[in-house]
């Protein structure tokens, strides 16, 4: 009613209707936001852009109901693709020439298909010939099992990188967010992961100015950042999402200027940590999956290391231009807070 130029308004479980609606067949509903618990799209294939990495959705929906998040309301409850359907797509991805696959789910570590858990799925995908690297986004700290960490440590094709959203370092704020873990539990998970996976890179998400966040709560977040020293972080000032518990029941009481100041403080601290984490790579030999030519300087190549750091590579003596998807050994010679630079060996 408010947007008369919109022909259809469809939810994520109505994608199958698009061809029929666009052809004008039957008497289609112009609005269809029903959630279908059985829909996984396991039999459909996405269009994929050319490159070395393919995205593979292994589950849909979310059961977590974090107080600030719209996903469970918009996408429904969790449902995983059958393991064999995931493997069929992984084999197709490998046959198409992709060398890396990223397994996707809103809380991907809670994957279940009735018999298999996420650790079993990762192990199965690691057995697909042609796939050299496996990553996954985004795990939930409360779903991380010892078996998953042990599986990651045992399988060299699983990248030494975890995106592990924490959102806040305050137990009081984490409880208000309904995150399902404590500050201590998160730090324990980080310690166990780093003990089992030497060289592990950890990235995260952080929110500044959640309703009720005090200066003491924010100081707890900064202290957690110092304890972990994340390789990178996505940082945001809180804004309410209509329909969520936080928007309905919690006053957005942190002043905008305080949110912005806290966000800028987090960003400055994270930049300091990233500079240190990247600088520690100088002098190391890393394996880089080449994606293509670097934007600059001319004649250099761009790729990513096993721990998902951007690497700009100079060709070594007599080195031919590699095809995208090549795995090359690179000696790191310089670093910024976001990029490594080195020479191919």
C-alpha atoms as a PDB file:
ATOM      1  CA  UNK A   1       0.000   0.000   0.000  1.00  0.00           C
ATOM      2  CA  UNK A   2       2.844   2.402   0.796  1.00  0.00           C
ATOM      3  CA  UNK A   3       4.875   1.442  -2.287  1.00  0.00           C
ATOM      4  CA  UNK A   4       2.486   1.134  -5.220  1.00  0.00           C
ATOM      5  CA  UNK A   5       5.332   0.587  -7.714  1.00  0.00           C
ATOM      6  CA  UNK A   6       6.239  -2.714  -6.007  1.00  0.00           C
ATOM      7  CA  UNK A   7       4.723  -5.649  -7.903  1.00  0.00           C
ATOM      8  CA  UNK A   8       5.374  -8.395  -5.344  1.00  0.00           C
ATOM      9  CA  UNK A   9       6.510  -8.570  -1.737  1.00  0.00           C
ATOM     10  CA  UNK A  10       7.912 -12.029  -1.038  1.00  0.00           C
ATOM     11  CA  UNK A  11       9.600 -13.603   1.959  1.00  0.00           C
ATOM     12  CA  UNK A  12      12.685 -15.839   1.731  1.00  0.00           C
ATOM     13  CA  UNK A  13      10.575 -19.011   1.579  1.00  0.00           C
ATOM     14  CA  UNK A  14       8.654 -17.856  -1.504  1.00  0.00           C
ATOM     15  CA  UNK A  15      11.598 -17.839  -3.955  1.00  0.00           C
ATOM     16  CA  UNK A  16      10.214 -20.823  -5.835  1.00  0.00           C
ATOM     17  CA  UNK A  17       7.203 -18.750  -6.872  1.00  0.00           C
ATOM     18  CA  UNK A  18       9.303 -16.122  -8.682  1.00  0.00           C
ATOM     19  CA  UNK A  19       9.247 -17.715 -12.185  1.00  0.00           C
ATOM     20  CA  UNK A  20       5.487 -18.311 -12.009  1.00  0.00           C
ATOM     21  CA  UNK A  21       4.818 -14.816 -10.689  1.00  0.00           C
ATOM     22  CA  UNK A  22       6.985 -13.160 -13.324  1.00  0.00           C
ATOM     23  CA  UNK A  23       5.235 -15.120 -16.078  1.00  0.00           C
ATOM     24  CA  UNK A  24       1.869 -13.934 -14.727  1.00  0.00           C
ATOM     25  CA  UNK A  25       0.516 -17.456 -14.347  1.00  0.00           C
ATOM     26  CA  UNK A  26      -2.581 -18.104 -12.283  1.00  0.00           C
ATOM     27  CA  UNK A  27      -3.736 -15.615  -9.692  1.00  0.00           C
ATOM     28  CA  UNK A  28      -0.586 -15.126  -7.629  1.00  0.00           C
ATOM     29  CA  UNK A  29      -0.509 -13.596  -4.198  1.00  0.00           C
ATOM     30  CA  UNK A  30       1.170 -10.226  -4.442  1.00  0.00           C
ATOM     31  CA  UNK A  31       2.279 -10.565  -0.830  1.00  0.00           C
ATOM     32  CA  UNK A  32       3.633 -13.829   0.540  1.00  0.00           C
ATOM     33  CA  UNK A  33       5.836 -13.779   3.626  1.00  0.00           C
ATOM     34  CA  UNK A  34       4.798 -17.167   4.988  1.00  0.00           C
ATOM     35  CA  UNK A  35       7.594 -19.199   6.538  1.00  0.00           C
ATOM     36  CA  UNK A  36       7.764 -22.827   5.391  1.00  0.00           C
ATOM     37  CA  UNK A  37       9.660 -24.984   7.907  1.00  0.00           C
ATOM     38  CA  UNK A  38      10.313 -27.700   5.331  1.00  0.00           C
ATOM     39  CA  UNK A  39      11.901 -25.397   2.706  1.00  0.00           C
ATOM     40  CA  UNK A  40      15.693 -25.749   2.312  1.00  0.00           C
ATOM     41  CA  UNK A  41      16.088 -25.301  -1.495  1.00  0.00           C
ATOM     42  CA  UNK A  42      18.290 -28.391  -1.472  1.00  0.00           C
ATOM     43  CA  UNK A  43      17.302 -29.185  -5.069  1.00  0.00           C
ATOM     44  CA  UNK A  44      18.018 -25.704  -6.481  1.00  0.00           C
ATOM     45  CA  UNK A  45      21.391 -24.356  -7.571  1.00  0.00           C
ATOM     46  CA  UNK A  46      22.470 -20.736  -7.168  1.00  0.00           C
ATOM     47  CA  UNK A  47      24.155 -18.812  -9.942  1.00  0.00           C
ATOM     48  CA  UNK A  48      27.825 -18.408  -9.050  1.00  0.00           C
ATOM     49  CA  UNK A  49      30.196 -15.660 -10.110  1.00  0.00           C
ATOM     50  CA  UNK A  50      33.612 -16.667 -11.414  1.00  0.00           C
ATOM     51  CA  UNK A  51      36.367 -16.900  -8.845  1.00  0.00           C
ATOM     52  CA  UNK A  52      38.180 -19.341  -6.598  1.00  0.00           C
ATOM     53  CA  UNK A  53      35.674 -19.455  -3.711  1.00  0.00           C
ATOM     54  CA  UNK A  54      32.093 -20.720  -3.818  1.00  0.00           C
ATOM     55  CA  UNK A  55      29.461 -20.016  -1.158  1.00  0.00           C
ATOM     56  CA  UNK A  56      27.416 -23.023  -0.069  1.00  0.00           C
ATOM     57  CA  UNK A  57      24.352 -22.525   2.156  1.00  0.00           C
ATOM     58  CA  UNK A  58      23.987 -25.556   4.433  1.00  0.00           C
ATOM     59  CA  UNK A  59      21.189 -24.318   6.689  1.00  0.00           C
ATOM     60  CA  UNK A  60      18.518 -21.644   6.924  1.00  0.00           C
ATOM     61  CA  UNK A  61      16.848 -19.817   9.775  1.00  0.00           C
ATOM     62  CA  UNK A  62      17.868 -19.373  13.400  1.00  0.00           C
ATOM     63  CA  UNK A  63      16.547 -20.549  16.767  1.00  0.00           C
ATOM     64  CA  UNK A  64      18.591 -18.180  18.918  1.00  0.00           C
ATOM     65  CA  UNK A  65      16.232 -15.195  19.265  1.00  0.00           C
ATOM     66  CA  UNK A  66      18.936 -12.703  20.246  1.00  0.00           C
ATOM     67  CA  UNK A  67      17.052  -9.656  21.456  1.00  0.00           C
ATOM     68  CA  UNK A  68      18.421  -7.264  18.795  1.00  0.00           C
ATOM     69  CA  UNK A  69      18.201  -9.552  15.740  1.00  0.00           C
ATOM     70  CA  UNK A  70      15.528  -9.833  13.025  1.00  0.00           C
ATOM     71  CA  UNK A  71      16.746 -13.087  11.455  1.00  0.00           C
ATOM     72  CA  UNK A  72      14.523 -15.566  13.341  1.00  0.00           C
ATOM     73  CA  UNK A  73      11.494 -13.363  12.657  1.00  0.00           C
ATOM     74  CA  UNK A  74      12.294 -12.965   8.958  1.00  0.00           C
ATOM     75  CA  UNK A  75      13.691 -16.423   8.142  1.00  0.00           C
ATOM     76  CA  UNK A  76      12.067 -18.792  10.610  1.00  0.00           C
ATOM     77  CA  UNK A  77      13.496 -21.657  12.581  1.00  0.00           C
ATOM     78  CA  UNK A  78      16.648 -23.605  11.759  1.00  0.00           C
ATOM     79  CA  UNK A  79      16.574 -26.347   9.150  1.00  0.00           C
ATOM     80  CA  UNK A  80      19.621 -27.985   7.638  1.00  0.00           C
ATOM     81  CA  UNK A  81      20.118 -29.413   4.177  1.00  0.00           C
ATOM     82  CA  UNK A  82      20.575 -33.187   4.136  1.00  0.00           C
ATOM     83  CA  UNK A  83      24.278 -34.044   4.257  1.00  0.00           C
ATOM     84  CA  UNK A  84      24.154 -35.790   0.900  1.00  0.00           C
ATOM     85  CA  UNK A  85      22.634 -32.675  -0.712  1.00  0.00           C
ATOM     86  CA  UNK A  86      25.508 -30.590   0.679  1.00  0.00           C
ATOM     87  CA  UNK A  87      28.059 -33.083  -0.629  1.00  0.00           C
ATOM     88  CA  UNK A  88      26.417 -33.139  -4.065  1.00  0.00           C
ATOM     89  CA  UNK A  89      26.785 -29.369  -4.291  1.00  0.00           C
ATOM     90  CA  UNK A  90      30.360 -29.512  -2.962  1.00  0.00           C
ATOM     91  CA  UNK A  91      31.292 -32.007  -5.691  1.00  0.00           C
ATOM     92  CA  UNK A  92      29.716 -29.757  -8.314  1.00  0.00           C
ATOM     93  CA  UNK A  93      31.663 -26.800  -6.926  1.00  0.00           C
ATOM     94  CA  UNK A  94      34.932 -28.735  -7.153  1.00  0.00           C
ATOM     95  CA  UNK A  95      34.137 -29.946 -10.677  1.00  0.00           C
ATOM     96  CA  UNK A  96      33.511 -26.326 -11.737  1.00  0.00           C
ATOM     97  CA  UNK A  97      37.067 -25.410 -10.707  1.00  0.00           C
ATOM     98  CA  UNK A  98      36.528 -23.666  -7.381  1.00  0.00           C
ATOM     99  CA  UNK A  99      39.333 -24.398  -4.917  1.00  0.00           C
ATOM    100  CA  UNK A 100      37.694 -23.012  -1.788  1.00  0.00           C
ATOM    101  CA  UNK A 101      34.212 -23.344  -0.302  1.00  0.00           C
ATOM    102  CA  UNK A 102      32.571 -21.288   2.441  1.00  0.00           C
ATOM    103  CA  UNK A 103      29.768 -23.062   4.313  1.00  0.00           C
ATOM    104  CA  UNK A 104      27.008 -20.615   5.236  1.00  0.00           C
ATOM    105  CA  UNK A 105      24.349 -20.458   7.916  1.00  0.00           C
ATOM    106  CA  UNK A 106      23.118 -17.796  10.311  1.00  0.00           C
ATOM    107  CA  UNK A 107      24.369 -19.981  13.185  1.00  0.00           C
ATOM    108  CA  UNK A 108      26.164 -22.509  11.043  1.00  0.00           C
ATOM    109  CA  UNK A 109      27.638 -24.507  13.931  1.00  0.00           C
ATOM    110  CA  UNK A 110      24.118 -25.525  15.014  1.00  0.00           C
ATOM    111  CA  UNK A 111      23.669 -27.439  11.718  1.00  0.00           C
ATOM    112  CA  UNK A 112      21.763 -30.716  12.025  1.00  0.00           C
ATOM    113  CA  UNK A 113      20.119 -32.851   9.356  1.00  0.00           C
ATOM    114  CA  UNK A 114      18.639 -35.337  11.792  1.00  0.00           C
ATOM    115  CA  UNK A 115      21.686 -37.600  11.984  1.00  0.00           C
ATOM    116  CA  UNK A 116      24.752 -35.438  11.311  1.00  0.00           C
ATOM    117  CA  UNK A 117      26.085 -32.450  13.219  1.00  0.00           C
ATOM    118  CA  UNK A 118      28.295 -29.660  11.902  1.00  0.00           C
ATOM    119  CA  UNK A 119      31.575 -31.411  12.766  1.00  0.00           C
ATOM    120  CA  UNK A 120      30.442 -34.400  10.690  1.00  0.00           C
ATOM    121  CA  UNK A 121      29.467 -32.130   7.807  1.00  0.00           C
ATOM    122  CA  UNK A 122      32.866 -30.378   7.816  1.00  0.00           C
ATOM    123  CA  UNK A 123      34.660 -33.720   7.812  1.00  0.00           C
ATOM    124  CA  UNK A 124      32.527 -34.960   4.910  1.00  0.00           C
ATOM    125  CA  UNK A 125      33.132 -31.818   2.810  1.00  0.00           C
ATOM    126  CA  UNK A 126      36.866 -32.058   3.525  1.00  0.00           C
ATOM    127  CA  UNK A 127      36.819 -35.419   1.750  1.00  0.00           C
ATOM    128  CA  UNK A 128      35.642 -33.899  -1.553  1.00  0.00           C
ATOM    129  CA  UNK A 129      38.523 -34.011  -4.034  1.00  0.00           C
ATOM    130  CA  UNK A 130      39.449 -30.648  -5.522  1.00  0.00           C
ATOM    131  CA  UNK A 131      38.377 -28.548  -2.535  1.00  0.00           C
ATOM    132  CA  UNK A 132      41.577 -27.261  -0.946  1.00  0.00           C
ATOM    133  CA  UNK A 133      40.134 -24.867   1.619  1.00  0.00           C
ATOM    134  CA  UNK A 134      37.011 -24.900   3.789  1.00  0.00           C
ATOM    135  CA  UNK A 135      35.701 -21.957   5.795  1.00  0.00           C
ATOM    136  CA  UNK A 136      32.368 -21.367   7.526  1.00  0.00           C
ATOM    137  CA  UNK A 137      30.256 -18.384   8.553  1.00  0.00           C
ATOM    138  CA  UNK A 138      29.020 -17.598  11.097  1.00  0.00           C
ATOM    139  CA  UNK A 139      29.461 -19.883  14.064  1.00  0.00           C
ATOM    140  CA  UNK A 140      27.751 -19.136  17.361  1.00  0.00           C
ATOM    141  CA  UNK A 141      30.019 -19.376  20.434  1.00  0.00           C
ATOM    142  CA  UNK A 142      27.415 -21.367  22.365  1.00  0.00           C
ATOM    143  CA  UNK A 143      27.283 -24.062  19.664  1.00  0.00           C
ATOM    144  CA  UNK A 144      31.022 -24.741  19.462  1.00  0.00           C
ATOM    145  CA  UNK A 145      31.688 -28.308  20.564  1.00  0.00           C
ATOM    146  CA  UNK A 146      35.041 -29.869  21.516  1.00  0.00           C
ATOM    147  CA  UNK A 147      34.447 -32.323  18.648  1.00  0.00           C
ATOM    148  CA  UNK A 148      34.293 -29.471  16.136  1.00  0.00           C
ATOM    149  CA  UNK A 149      37.575 -27.993  17.372  1.00  0.00           C
ATOM    150  CA  UNK A 150      39.221 -31.421  17.262  1.00  0.00           C
ATOM    151  CA  UNK A 151      37.884 -31.964  13.720  1.00  0.00           C
ATOM    152  CA  UNK A 152      39.283 -28.617  12.596  1.00  0.00           C
ATOM    153  CA  UNK A 153      42.674 -29.416  14.121  1.00  0.00           C
ATOM    154  CA  UNK A 154      42.771 -32.807  12.382  1.00  0.00           C
ATOM    155  CA  UNK A 155      41.823 -31.611   8.890  1.00  0.00           C
ATOM    156  CA  UNK A 156      44.427 -29.449   7.113  1.00  0.00           C
ATOM    157  CA  UNK A 157      41.884 -28.305   4.503  1.00  0.00           C
ATOM    158  CA  UNK A 158      39.900 -26.413   7.168  1.00  0.00           C
ATOM    159  CA  UNK A 159      41.205 -22.843   7.282  1.00  0.00           C
ATOM    160  CA  UNK A 160      42.875 -21.567  10.443  1.00  0.00           C
ATOM    161  CA  UNK A 161      40.343 -18.791  10.776  1.00  0.00           C
ATOM    162  CA  UNK A 162      37.275 -18.397  12.956  1.00  0.00           C
ATOM    163  CA  UNK A 163      34.738 -15.606  12.713  1.00  0.00           C
ATOM    164  CA  UNK A 164      33.429 -15.739  16.263  1.00  0.00           C
ATOM    165  CA  UNK A 165      30.920 -12.942  17.010  1.00  0.00           C
ATOM    166  CA  UNK A 166      31.054 -11.760  20.619  1.00  0.00           C
ATOM    167  CA  UNK A 167      29.006  -8.497  20.442  1.00  0.00           C
ATOM    168  CA  UNK A 168      29.901  -7.379  23.989  1.00  0.00           C
ATOM    169  CA  UNK A 169      32.381  -8.106  26.748  1.00  0.00           C
ATOM    170  CA  UNK A 170      29.897  -7.440  29.540  1.00  0.00           C
ATOM    171  CA  UNK A 171      28.022 -10.360  31.092  1.00  0.00           C
ATOM    172  CA  UNK A 172      25.123  -8.056  31.935  1.00  0.00           C
ATOM    173  CA  UNK A 173      24.811  -6.853  28.330  1.00  0.00           C
ATOM    174  CA  UNK A 174      25.287 -10.363  26.921  1.00  0.00           C
ATOM    175  CA  UNK A 175      22.370 -11.518  29.084  1.00  0.00           C
ATOM    176  CA  UNK A 176      20.220  -8.627  27.838  1.00  0.00           C
ATOM    177  CA  UNK A 177      21.182  -9.549  24.278  1.00  0.00           C
ATOM    178  CA  UNK A 178      20.159 -13.170  25.022  1.00  0.00           C
ATOM    179  CA  UNK A 179      23.403 -14.449  23.535  1.00  0.00           C
ATOM    180  CA  UNK A 180      23.526 -17.662  25.575  1.00  0.00           C
ATOM    181  CA  UNK A 181      27.138 -17.455  26.774  1.00  0.00           C
ATOM    182  CA  UNK A 182      29.194 -15.464  29.249  1.00  0.00           C
ATOM    183  CA  UNK A 183      32.371 -13.452  28.892  1.00  0.00           C
ATOM    184  CA  UNK A 184      34.277 -16.225  30.675  1.00  0.00           C
ATOM    185  CA  UNK A 185      32.812 -18.904  28.419  1.00  0.00           C
ATOM    186  CA  UNK A 186      33.809 -16.967  25.325  1.00  0.00           C
ATOM    187  CA  UNK A 187      37.378 -16.438  26.547  1.00  0.00           C
ATOM    188  CA  UNK A 188      37.620 -20.128  27.427  1.00  0.00           C
ATOM    189  CA  UNK A 189      36.524 -21.046  23.894  1.00  0.00           C
ATOM    190  CA  UNK A 190      39.163 -18.723  22.413  1.00  0.00           C
ATOM    191  CA  UNK A 191      41.852 -20.271  24.632  1.00  0.00           C
ATOM    192  CA  UNK A 192      40.864 -23.829  23.665  1.00  0.00           C
ATOM    193  CA  UNK A 193      40.716 -22.939  19.972  1.00  0.00           C
ATOM    194  CA  UNK A 194      44.152 -21.319  19.978  1.00  0.00           C
ATOM    195  CA  UNK A 195      45.654 -24.221  21.921  1.00  0.00           C
ATOM    196  CA  UNK A 196      44.380 -26.754  19.361  1.00  0.00           C
ATOM    197  CA  UNK A 197      44.921 -24.581  16.264  1.00  0.00           C
ATOM    198  CA  UNK A 198      48.294 -22.791  16.357  1.00  0.00           C
ATOM    199  CA  UNK A 199      48.322 -19.670  14.216  1.00  0.00           C
ATOM    200  CA  UNK A 200      44.530 -19.350  14.351  1.00  0.00           C
ATOM    201  CA  UNK A 201      43.124 -15.974  13.263  1.00  0.00           C
ATOM    202  CA  UNK A 202      39.983 -14.838  15.069  1.00  0.00           C
ATOM    203  CA  UNK A 203      37.636 -12.158  13.776  1.00  0.00           C
ATOM    204  CA  UNK A 204      34.454 -10.935  15.437  1.00  0.00           C
ATOM    205  CA  UNK A 205      31.417  -8.633  15.534  1.00  0.00           C
ATOM    206  CA  UNK A 206      30.979  -5.944  18.202  1.00  0.00           C
ATOM    207  CA  UNK A 207      28.096  -3.609  19.087  1.00  0.00           C
ATOM    208  CA  UNK A 208      28.564  -0.280  20.854  1.00  0.00           C
ATOM    209  CA  UNK A 209      25.761   1.364  22.809  1.00  0.00           C
ATOM    210  CA  UNK A 210      23.302  -1.508  23.304  1.00  0.00           C
ATOM    211  CA  UNK A 211      20.338  -0.427  25.496  1.00  0.00           C
ATOM    212  CA  UNK A 212      21.425  -0.051  29.089  1.00  0.00           C
ATOM    213  CA  UNK A 213      25.157  -0.291  28.307  1.00  0.00           C
ATOM    214  CA  UNK A 214      27.060   1.714  30.923  1.00  0.00           C
ATOM    215  CA  UNK A 215      30.610   3.007  30.777  1.00  0.00           C
ATOM    216  CA  UNK A 216      31.576   0.053  32.973  1.00  0.00           C
ATOM    217  CA  UNK A 217      29.966  -2.378  30.513  1.00  0.00           C
ATOM    218  CA  UNK A 218      31.829  -0.730  27.645  1.00  0.00           C
ATOM    219  CA  UNK A 219      35.103  -0.957  29.590  1.00  0.00           C
ATOM    220  CA  UNK A 220      34.467  -4.711  29.887  1.00  0.00           C
ATOM    221  CA  UNK A 221      34.208  -4.902  26.088  1.00  0.00           C
ATOM    222  CA  UNK A 222      37.509  -3.064  25.656  1.00  0.00           C
ATOM    223  CA  UNK A 223      39.108  -5.393  28.207  1.00  0.00           C
ATOM    224  CA  UNK A 224      37.863  -8.447  26.298  1.00  0.00           C
ATOM    225  CA  UNK A 225      39.268  -6.994  23.084  1.00  0.00           C
ATOM    226  CA  UNK A 226      42.653  -6.586  24.772  1.00  0.00           C
ATOM    227  CA  UNK A 227      42.500 -10.151  26.103  1.00  0.00           C
ATOM    228  CA  UNK A 228      41.749 -11.681  22.677  1.00  0.00           C
ATOM    229  CA  UNK A 229      43.439  -9.245  20.250  1.00  0.00           C
ATOM    230  CA  UNK A 230      41.210  -9.970  17.264  1.00  0.00           C
ATOM    231  CA  UNK A 231      42.741 -10.041  13.794  1.00  0.00           C
ATOM    232  CA  UNK A 232      39.803  -8.029  12.420  1.00  0.00           C
ATOM    233  CA  UNK A 233      36.379  -6.952  13.648  1.00  0.00           C
ATOM    234  CA  UNK A 234      33.097  -5.660  12.257  1.00  0.00           C
ATOM    235  CA  UNK A 235      31.990  -2.911  14.647  1.00  0.00           C
ATOM    236  CA  UNK A 236      28.640  -1.128  14.781  1.00  0.00           C
ATOM    237  CA  UNK A 237      26.710   1.382  16.849  1.00  0.00           C
ATOM    238  CA  UNK A 238      23.444  -0.149  18.043  1.00  0.00           C
ATOM    239  CA  UNK A 239      20.275   0.773  16.178  1.00  0.00           C
ATOM    240  CA  UNK A 240      16.891  -0.814  16.954  1.00  0.00           C
ATOM    241  CA  UNK A 241      15.271  -3.230  14.509  1.00  0.00           C
ATOM    242  CA  UNK A 242      11.443  -2.981  14.544  1.00  0.00           C
ATOM    243  CA  UNK A 243       9.806  -6.124  15.874  1.00  0.00           C
ATOM    244  CA  UNK A 244      12.761  -7.345  17.918  1.00  0.00           C
ATOM    245  CA  UNK A 245      12.597  -7.727  21.689  1.00  0.00           C
ATOM    246  CA  UNK A 246      15.150  -4.953  22.177  1.00  0.00           C
ATOM    247  CA  UNK A 247      13.091  -2.535  20.065  1.00  0.00           C
ATOM    248  CA  UNK A 248       9.833  -3.473  21.809  1.00  0.00           C
ATOM    249  CA  UNK A 249      10.922  -3.714  25.419  1.00  0.00           C
ATOM    250  CA  UNK A 250      14.223  -1.857  25.888  1.00  0.00           C
ATOM    251  CA  UNK A 251      14.722   1.890  25.818  1.00  0.00           C
ATOM    252  CA  UNK A 252      17.365   2.997  23.319  1.00  0.00           C
ATOM    253  CA  UNK A 253      18.885   5.034  26.126  1.00  0.00           C
ATOM    254  CA  UNK A 254      22.540   5.428  25.156  1.00  0.00           C
ATOM    255  CA  UNK A 255      22.882   8.931  23.613  1.00  0.00           C
ATOM    256  CA  UNK A 256      23.988   8.983  19.950  1.00  0.00           C
ATOM    257  CA  UNK A 257      27.151  10.896  20.794  1.00  0.00           C
ATOM    258  CA  UNK A 258      28.096   8.278  23.415  1.00  0.00           C
ATOM    259  CA  UNK A 259      27.489   5.461  20.897  1.00  0.00           C
ATOM    260  CA  UNK A 260      29.685   7.197  18.346  1.00  0.00           C
ATOM    261  CA  UNK A 261      32.452   7.874  20.864  1.00  0.00           C
ATOM    262  CA  UNK A 262      32.440   4.255  22.026  1.00  0.00           C
ATOM    263  CA  UNK A 263      32.420   2.990  18.446  1.00  0.00           C
ATOM    264  CA  UNK A 264      35.398   5.188  17.534  1.00  0.00           C
ATOM    265  CA  UNK A 265      37.252   3.988  20.643  1.00  0.00           C
ATOM    266  CA  UNK A 266      36.632   0.337  19.655  1.00  0.00           C
ATOM    267  CA  UNK A 267      37.789   0.992  16.095  1.00  0.00           C
ATOM    268  CA  UNK A 268      41.007   2.666  17.271  1.00  0.00           C
ATOM    269  CA  UNK A 269      41.797  -0.220  19.644  1.00  0.00           C
ATOM    270  CA  UNK A 270      41.035  -2.815  16.973  1.00  0.00           C
ATOM    271  CA  UNK A 271      43.318  -1.047  14.477  1.00  0.00           C
ATOM    272  CA  UNK A 272      46.111  -1.214  17.050  1.00  0.00           C
ATOM    273  CA  UNK A 273      45.564  -4.933  17.574  1.00  0.00           C
ATOM    274  CA  UNK A 274      45.304  -5.631  13.825  1.00  0.00           C
ATOM    275  CA  UNK A 275      48.590  -3.841  13.169  1.00  0.00           C
ATOM    276  CA  UNK A 276      50.265  -6.053  15.749  1.00  0.00           C
ATOM    277  CA  UNK A 277      48.675  -9.285  14.504  1.00  0.00           C
ATOM    278  CA  UNK A 278      49.595  -8.554  10.886  1.00  0.00           C
ATOM    279  CA  UNK A 279      53.089  -7.318  11.744  1.00  0.00           C
ATOM    280  CA  UNK A 280      53.744 -10.645  13.506  1.00  0.00           C
ATOM    281  CA  UNK A 281      53.423 -12.334  10.091  1.00  0.00           C
ATOM    282  CA  UNK A 282      56.454 -10.529   8.658  1.00  0.00           C
ATOM    283  CA  UNK A 283      59.241 -13.018   7.993  1.00  0.00           C
ATOM    284  CA  UNK A 284      56.889 -15.983   7.830  1.00  0.00           C
ATOM    285  CA  UNK A 285      56.280 -18.253   4.876  1.00  0.00           C
ATOM    286  CA  UNK A 286      52.559 -18.581   4.178  1.00  0.00           C
ATOM    287  CA  UNK A 287      50.503 -20.435   1.600  1.00  0.00           C
ATOM    288  CA  UNK A 288      48.412 -18.087  -0.537  1.00  0.00           C
ATOM    289  CA  UNK A 289      45.425 -19.008  -2.685  1.00  0.00           C
ATOM    290  CA  UNK A 290      45.739 -16.686  -5.686  1.00  0.00           C
ATOM    291  CA  UNK A 291      42.541 -14.927  -6.765  1.00  0.00           C
ATOM    292  CA  UNK A 292      43.909 -12.721  -9.570  1.00  0.00           C
ATOM    293  CA  UNK A 293      45.924  -9.570 -10.337  1.00  0.00           C
ATOM    294  CA  UNK A 294      46.381  -7.071  -7.508  1.00  0.00           C
ATOM    295  CA  UNK A 295      44.890  -3.613  -7.959  1.00  0.00           C
ATOM    296  CA  UNK A 296      48.356  -2.214  -7.329  1.00  0.00           C
ATOM    297  CA  UNK A 297      51.239  -2.368  -7.933  1.00  0.00           C
ATOM    298  CA  UNK A 298      51.121  -3.537 -11.530  1.00  0.00           C
ATOM    299  CA  UNK A 299      52.411  -7.046 -12.113  1.00  0.00           C
ATOM    300  CA  UNK A 300      51.586  -8.205  -8.557  1.00  0.00           C
ATOM    301  CA  UNK A 301      48.980 -10.787  -7.577  1.00  0.00           C
ATOM    302  CA  UNK A 302      46.309 -10.861  -4.927  1.00  0.00           C
ATOM    303  CA  UNK A 303      45.260 -13.796  -2.775  1.00  0.00           C
ATOM    304  CA  UNK A 304      44.458 -14.893   0.754  1.00  0.00           C
ATOM    305  CA  UNK A 305      46.445 -16.815   3.303  1.00  0.00           C
ATOM    306  CA  UNK A 306      45.134 -19.876   5.131  1.00  0.00           C
ATOM    307  CA  UNK A 307      44.076 -17.633   8.039  1.00  0.00           C
ATOM    308  CA  UNK A 308      42.141 -15.397   5.620  1.00  0.00           C
ATOM    309  CA  UNK A 309      44.443 -12.409   5.483  1.00  0.00           C
ATOM    310  CA  UNK A 310      44.687 -10.405   2.246  1.00  0.00           C
ATOM    311  CA  UNK A 311      48.106 -10.860   0.623  1.00  0.00           C
ATOM    312  CA  UNK A 312      49.647  -8.871  -2.248  1.00  0.00           C
ATOM    313  CA  UNK A 313      52.391 -10.967  -3.844  1.00  0.00           C
ATOM    314  CA  UNK A 314      55.357  -9.903  -5.945  1.00  0.00           C
ATOM    315  CA  UNK A 315      56.470 -12.517  -8.492  1.00  0.00           C
ATOM    316  CA  UNK A 316      59.684 -14.290  -7.635  1.00  0.00           C
ATOM    317  CA  UNK A 317      62.564 -14.650 -10.115  1.00  0.00           C
ATOM    318  CA  UNK A 318      61.396 -16.419 -13.272  1.00  0.00           C
ATOM    319  CA  UNK A 319      57.898 -16.900 -11.874  1.00  0.00           C
ATOM    320  CA  UNK A 320      55.131 -17.064 -14.488  1.00  0.00           C
ATOM    321  CA  UNK A 321      51.767 -15.425 -13.940  1.00  0.00           C
ATOM    322  CA  UNK A 322      49.708 -17.942 -11.944  1.00  0.00           C
ATOM    323  CA  UNK A 323      46.159 -18.879 -12.808  1.00  0.00           C
ATOM    324  CA  UNK A 324      43.458 -18.018 -10.260  1.00  0.00           C
ATOM    325  CA  UNK A 325      43.229 -20.910  -7.850  1.00  0.00           C
ATOM    326  CA  UNK A 326      46.970 -21.551  -7.667  1.00  0.00           C
ATOM    327  CA  UNK A 327      48.383 -22.221  -4.211  1.00  0.00           C
ATOM    328  CA  UNK A 328      51.746 -20.479  -3.808  1.00  0.00           C
ATOM    329  CA  UNK A 329      54.281 -20.198  -1.015  1.00  0.00           C
ATOM    330  CA  UNK A 330      54.917 -16.536  -0.188  1.00  0.00           C
ATOM    331  CA  UNK A 331      57.476 -14.951   2.138  1.00  0.00           C
ATOM    332  CA  UNK A 332      55.857 -12.023   3.971  1.00  0.00           C
ATOM    333  CA  UNK A 333      58.008  -8.895   3.951  1.00  0.00           C
ATOM    334  CA  UNK A 334      55.690  -6.065   5.058  1.00  0.00           C
ATOM    335  CA  UNK A 335      52.302  -5.525   6.663  1.00  0.00           C
ATOM    336  CA  UNK A 336      49.631  -2.930   7.335  1.00  0.00           C
ATOM    337  CA  UNK A 337      46.651  -3.433   9.647  1.00  0.00           C
ATOM    338  CA  UNK A 338      44.673  -4.987   6.766  1.00  0.00           C
ATOM    339  CA  UNK A 339      47.111  -6.383   4.193  1.00  0.00           C
ATOM    340  CA  UNK A 340      50.268  -8.488   3.986  1.00  0.00           C
ATOM    341  CA  UNK A 341      52.859  -8.025   1.219  1.00  0.00           C
ATOM    342  CA  UNK A 342      55.420 -10.566   0.167  1.00  0.00           C
ATOM    343  CA  UNK A 343      57.297 -12.344  -2.603  1.00  0.00           C
ATOM    344  CA  UNK A 344      56.465 -15.686  -4.164  1.00  0.00           C
ATOM    345  CA  UNK A 345      59.066 -18.370  -3.515  1.00  0.00           C
END
